[in-house]
N, C-alpha and C. Protein backbone atom coordinates (compact mmCIF):
# COMPACT_ATOMS: atom_id res chain seq x y z
N MET A 1 0.98 -0.65 0.50
CA MET A 1 0.29 -0.33 -0.03
C MET A 1 0.96 1.30 -0.05
N ALA A 2 0.91 2.21 -1.01
CA ALA A 2 1.26 3.30 -1.13
C ALA A 2 0.54 4.47 -0.88
N LEU A 3 0.80 5.11 0.58
CA LEU A 3 -0.23 6.42 0.76
C LEU A 3 0.67 8.00 0.45
N PHE A 4 -0.49 8.39 -0.47
CA PHE A 4 0.08 9.75 -0.75
C PHE A 4 -0.16 10.93 0.42
N LYS A 5 0.17 12.23 0.82
CA LYS A 5 -0.37 12.56 2.09
C LYS A 5 0.28 14.05 1.69
N VAL A 6 -0.49 15.19 1.72
CA VAL A 6 -0.70 16.04 1.54
C VAL A 6 -1.38 17.00 2.40
N ALA A 7 -0.85 18.42 2.93
CA ALA A 7 -1.37 19.17 4.05
C ALA A 7 -2.26 20.28 2.81
N ALA A 8 -3.58 20.73 3.63
CA ALA A 8 -4.54 21.88 2.81
C ALA A 8 -4.81 22.60 4.15
N HIS A 9 -5.18 23.57 3.75
CA HIS A 9 -5.81 24.22 4.69
C HIS A 9 -7.23 25.26 3.96
N THR A 10 -7.88 26.29 4.71
CA THR A 10 -8.53 27.01 4.14
C THR A 10 -8.59 28.83 4.24
N GLY A 11 -7.28 28.39 4.98
CA GLY A 11 -7.06 29.79 5.44
C GLY A 11 -7.73 30.64 6.84
N ASP A 12 -8.39 30.07 6.97
CA ASP A 12 -9.53 30.27 8.32
C ASP A 12 -8.73 29.68 9.34
N ASN A 13 -7.55 29.40 9.49
CA ASN A 13 -7.11 28.68 10.47
C ASN A 13 -7.48 26.99 10.72
N ASN A 14 -7.90 26.60 9.74
CA ASN A 14 -8.83 25.25 9.51
C ASN A 14 -7.54 24.50 8.21
N ASN A 15 -7.08 24.03 8.86
CA ASN A 15 -5.79 23.11 8.81
C ASN A 15 -6.13 21.64 8.92
N GLY A 16 -5.46 21.11 7.52
CA GLY A 16 -5.82 19.63 7.36
C GLY A 16 -4.69 18.62 6.38
N TYR A 17 -5.98 17.60 5.80
CA TYR A 17 -5.04 16.48 4.86
C TYR A 17 -6.01 16.29 3.79
N ILE A 18 -5.22 15.94 2.87
CA ILE A 18 -6.24 14.89 2.14
C ILE A 18 -4.94 13.44 1.45
N SER A 19 -5.74 12.13 1.55
CA SER A 19 -4.88 11.08 1.65
C SER A 19 -5.31 10.33 0.53
N TYR A 20 -4.78 9.68 -0.40
CA TYR A 20 -4.66 8.97 -1.41
C TYR A 20 -4.00 7.77 -1.41
N ASP A 21 -4.49 6.23 -1.74
CA ASP A 21 -4.08 5.28 -1.23
C ASP A 21 -3.97 4.99 -2.90
N THR A 22 -2.47 4.74 -3.46
CA THR A 22 -2.63 4.59 -4.96
C THR A 22 -3.05 2.94 -5.33
N ASP A 23 -2.76 2.15 -3.96
CA ASP A 23 -3.22 0.65 -4.64
C ASP A 23 -4.75 0.59 -4.57
N THR A 24 -5.66 1.14 -4.01
CA THR A 24 -7.23 1.12 -4.28
C THR A 24 -7.58 2.26 -4.44
N LYS A 25 -7.01 3.05 -4.76
CA LYS A 25 -7.49 4.93 -5.43
C LYS A 25 -8.64 4.93 -4.33
N GLN A 26 -8.22 5.34 -2.97
CA GLN A 26 -9.26 5.42 -1.78
C GLN A 26 -8.78 6.68 -1.80
N VAL A 27 -9.32 7.55 -1.82
CA VAL A 27 -9.12 8.90 -1.54
C VAL A 27 -10.06 9.73 0.13
N ASN A 28 -9.45 9.74 0.80
CA ASN A 28 -9.88 10.61 2.20
C ASN A 28 -9.62 12.30 2.19
N VAL A 29 -10.33 12.58 2.76
CA VAL A 29 -10.42 14.44 3.01
C VAL A 29 -10.29 14.47 4.56
N ARG A 30 -9.32 15.55 5.17
CA ARG A 30 -9.71 15.46 6.57
C ARG A 30 -9.32 17.14 7.39
N LEU A 31 -10.36 18.03 7.21
CA LEU A 31 -10.53 19.39 6.94
C LEU A 31 -11.34 20.04 8.53
N ASN A 32 -11.38 19.38 9.13
CA ASN A 32 -12.22 19.59 10.62
C ASN A 32 -13.45 20.29 9.49
N ASP A 33 -13.85 20.31 9.20
CA ASP A 33 -15.06 20.93 8.19
C ASP A 33 -15.87 19.90 7.81
N ASP A 34 -16.95 19.04 8.41
CA ASP A 34 -17.81 18.23 7.77
C ASP A 34 -18.40 18.16 6.31
N VAL A 35 -18.66 19.39 6.36
CA VAL A 35 -19.78 19.97 5.25
C VAL A 35 -18.59 20.42 3.78
N LEU A 36 -16.88 21.18 4.45
CA LEU A 36 -16.24 21.08 3.13
C LEU A 36 -16.00 19.87 2.80
N ASP A 37 -15.62 19.14 3.82
CA ASP A 37 -14.74 17.46 3.18
C ASP A 37 -15.63 17.24 2.58
N ALA A 38 -17.29 17.00 2.78
CA ALA A 38 -17.80 16.39 1.61
C ALA A 38 -17.92 16.95 0.03
N LYS A 39 -17.73 18.61 0.41
CA LYS A 39 -17.75 18.75 -0.53
C LYS A 39 -16.53 18.47 -1.51
N LEU A 40 -14.97 18.41 -1.16
CA LEU A 40 -14.05 17.85 -1.60
C LEU A 40 -13.99 16.75 -2.26
N TYR A 41 -14.20 16.03 -1.37
CA TYR A 41 -14.62 14.24 -1.40
C TYR A 41 -15.18 14.63 -2.65
N GLU A 42 -16.48 15.18 -3.06
CA GLU A 42 -17.09 14.64 -4.22
C GLU A 42 -16.35 15.66 -5.33
N TYR A 43 -15.88 16.74 -5.38
CA TYR A 43 -14.45 17.41 -6.34
C TYR A 43 -13.86 16.30 -6.79
N LEU A 44 -12.88 15.40 -5.95
CA LEU A 44 -12.26 14.36 -6.02
C LEU A 44 -12.54 13.14 -7.06
N THR A 45 -13.84 12.66 -6.79
CA THR A 45 -14.24 12.28 -7.36
C THR A 45 -15.96 11.83 -8.17
N THR A 46 -15.41 13.28 -8.65
CA THR A 46 -16.43 13.45 -9.99
C THR A 46 -15.96 13.66 -11.33
N VAL A 47 -16.07 13.64 -12.47
CA VAL A 47 -15.25 14.33 -13.50
C VAL A 47 -15.20 15.43 -13.37
N GLN A 48 -13.70 15.98 -13.62
CA GLN A 48 -13.20 17.71 -13.61
C GLN A 48 -12.67 17.89 -15.20
N SER A 49 -12.65 18.77 -15.51
CA SER A 49 -12.05 19.51 -16.56
C SER A 49 -11.18 20.52 -16.12
N LEU A 50 -10.07 19.61 -16.91
CA LEU A 50 -8.77 20.20 -16.23
C LEU A 50 -7.80 20.61 -17.24
N HIS A 51 -7.22 21.49 -17.36
CA HIS A 51 -5.87 22.33 -17.99
C HIS A 51 -4.55 21.04 -17.96
N ARG A 52 -4.34 20.74 -18.91
CA ARG A 52 -2.52 19.88 -18.06
C ARG A 52 -1.78 20.39 -19.55
N TYR A 53 -0.83 21.12 -18.80
CA TYR A 53 0.12 21.65 -19.73
C TYR A 53 1.35 20.97 -20.33
N THR A 54 1.54 21.10 -22.01
CA THR A 54 2.30 19.93 -22.37
C THR A 54 3.12 21.54 -22.55
N ASP A 55 3.53 22.75 -22.63
CA ASP A 55 4.71 23.13 -23.04
C ASP A 55 4.07 24.23 -22.13
N LEU A 56 5.33 25.49 -22.26
CA LEU A 56 4.96 26.56 -21.43
C LEU A 56 3.89 27.05 -21.70
N SER A 57 3.48 27.47 -23.00
CA SER A 57 2.04 27.93 -22.97
C SER A 57 1.44 26.96 -23.65
N LEU A 58 0.90 25.61 -23.27
CA LEU A 58 0.14 25.13 -24.25
C LEU A 58 -0.53 23.98 -23.49
N TYR A 59 -1.44 23.82 -23.47
CA TYR A 59 -2.29 23.07 -22.72
C TYR A 59 -2.93 22.30 -23.34
N GLU A 60 -3.22 21.05 -22.71
CA GLU A 60 -5.02 19.89 -23.39
C GLU A 60 -5.84 19.74 -22.61
N THR A 61 -6.70 20.27 -22.91
CA THR A 61 -8.40 20.02 -21.67
C THR A 61 -8.50 18.60 -21.38
N VAL A 62 -8.14 18.20 -20.20
CA VAL A 62 -8.40 16.90 -19.92
C VAL A 62 -10.22 16.87 -18.51
N ASN A 63 -10.27 15.24 -19.26
CA ASN A 63 -11.50 15.31 -18.71
C ASN A 63 -11.83 13.93 -17.82
N VAL A 64 -10.69 14.33 -16.27
CA VAL A 64 -11.13 13.11 -15.80
C VAL A 64 -11.47 12.99 -13.96
N ILE A 65 -11.42 11.84 -13.61
CA ILE A 65 -11.88 11.96 -12.18
C ILE A 65 -10.71 11.73 -11.76
N PRO A 66 -10.29 12.63 -10.84
CA PRO A 66 -8.85 13.26 -9.73
C PRO A 66 -8.60 12.07 -9.27
N ALA A 67 -9.53 11.45 -8.17
CA ALA A 67 -9.30 10.26 -7.91
C ALA A 67 -8.62 8.81 -8.66
N SER A 68 -8.69 9.19 -10.26
CA SER A 68 -8.69 7.99 -10.85
C SER A 68 -6.87 7.47 -10.56
N SER A 69 -5.73 8.75 -10.77
CA SER A 69 -4.58 8.18 -10.55
C SER A 69 -3.94 8.59 -9.70
N LEU A 70 -3.22 9.01 -9.01
CA LEU A 70 -2.37 9.96 -8.46
C LEU A 70 -1.06 11.18 -9.38
N GLU A 71 -1.44 10.97 -10.70
CA GLU A 71 -0.97 11.70 -11.67
C GLU A 71 -2.16 12.90 -11.23
N ALA A 72 -3.53 12.25 -12.25
CA ALA A 72 -4.92 12.90 -12.08
C ALA A 72 -5.21 13.93 -10.68
N LEU A 73 -4.92 13.13 -9.63
CA LEU A 73 -4.64 13.99 -8.19
C LEU A 73 -4.64 15.23 -7.90
N LYS A 74 -3.12 14.97 -8.47
CA LYS A 74 -1.92 16.12 -8.58
C LYS A 74 -2.42 16.97 -9.43
N LEU A 75 -2.44 16.72 -10.50
CA LEU A 75 -3.25 17.66 -10.93
C LEU A 75 -4.66 18.48 -10.66
N SER A 76 -5.49 17.55 -10.03
CA SER A 76 -6.54 18.13 -9.68
C SER A 76 -6.86 19.01 -8.50
N LEU A 77 -5.53 18.94 -8.01
CA LEU A 77 -5.23 19.65 -6.46
C LEU A 77 -4.63 21.25 -6.76
N GLY A 78 -4.27 20.91 -7.91
CA GLY A 78 -3.12 22.50 -8.62
C GLY A 78 -4.59 23.10 -8.76
N TYR A 79 -5.93 22.85 -8.79
CA TYR A 79 -6.82 23.72 -9.10
C TYR A 79 -7.82 24.09 -8.53
N VAL A 80 -7.47 23.32 -7.39
CA VAL A 80 -8.90 23.13 -6.37
C VAL A 80 -8.97 24.13 -5.25
N TRP A 81 -8.45 25.32 -5.33
CA TRP A 81 -8.25 26.26 -4.59
C TRP A 81 -8.88 27.57 -5.34
N LEU A 82 -9.26 27.52 -6.84
CA LEU A 82 -10.12 27.85 -7.89
C LEU A 82 -11.59 28.10 -7.64
N SER A 83 -11.71 27.01 -7.40
CA SER A 83 -13.26 26.87 -7.49
C SER A 83 -14.01 26.64 -5.81
N MET A 84 -13.27 26.38 -5.09
CA MET A 84 -13.15 25.85 -3.58
C MET A 84 -12.33 26.48 -2.17
N GLY A 85 -11.49 27.67 -2.82
CA GLY A 85 -10.62 28.20 -1.55
C GLY A 85 -9.54 27.73 -0.80
N ILE A 86 -9.91 26.30 -1.60
CA ILE A 86 -8.79 25.40 -0.54
C ILE A 86 -7.27 25.30 -1.22
N HIS A 87 -6.62 25.95 0.28
CA HIS A 87 -5.31 26.12 -0.21
C HIS A 87 -4.26 24.43 -0.24
N ILE A 88 -3.50 23.67 -0.99
CA ILE A 88 -3.12 22.83 -0.43
C ILE A 88 -1.01 23.46 -0.46
N ASP A 89 -0.92 22.91 0.37
CA ASP A 89 0.38 23.10 1.04
C ASP A 89 1.54 22.28 0.52
N TRP A 90 1.73 22.10 -0.74
CA TRP A 90 2.80 20.98 -0.79
C TRP A 90 4.14 20.54 -0.19
N SER A 91 4.55 21.68 0.75
CA SER A 91 6.04 21.44 1.58
C SER A 91 6.07 21.38 2.80
N ARG A 92 4.78 21.52 3.78
CA ARG A 92 4.10 20.87 5.00
C ARG A 92 4.11 19.33 5.24
N PRO A 93 5.43 18.87 5.78
CA PRO A 93 4.95 17.77 6.36
C PRO A 93 3.72 17.57 7.13
N ILE A 94 2.64 16.27 6.97
CA ILE A 94 1.81 16.16 7.47
C ILE A 94 1.66 16.06 9.06
N GLU A 95 2.93 14.69 9.57
CA GLU A 95 3.39 14.56 10.57
C GLU A 95 3.54 15.42 11.77
N LEU A 96 3.45 16.59 11.80
CA LEU A 96 3.68 17.90 11.87
C LEU A 96 2.23 18.70 12.63
N MET A 97 1.46 18.16 12.02
CA MET A 97 -0.33 18.84 11.92
C MET A 97 -0.62 18.16 13.42
């Protein structure tokens, strides 16, 4: 089992994390807000239309379920702040939260 975890927060001092099991493709959201957890979980488990850059200024539009692969999940997490106001903190260790 390979587990990917990344820190997330809403800016309201609401710190949490998102975890993803690469074997089972199961995603878990823990933001200390049940309503926001449910919205983010829905976002990560339904088809999203995202831009995947192929060059510095060129991109292709992909329709993907973020939880379908680790690559798709990482791509969608780069856009989640636009639609939900959730910020992903790629550099913060999860163990310190």
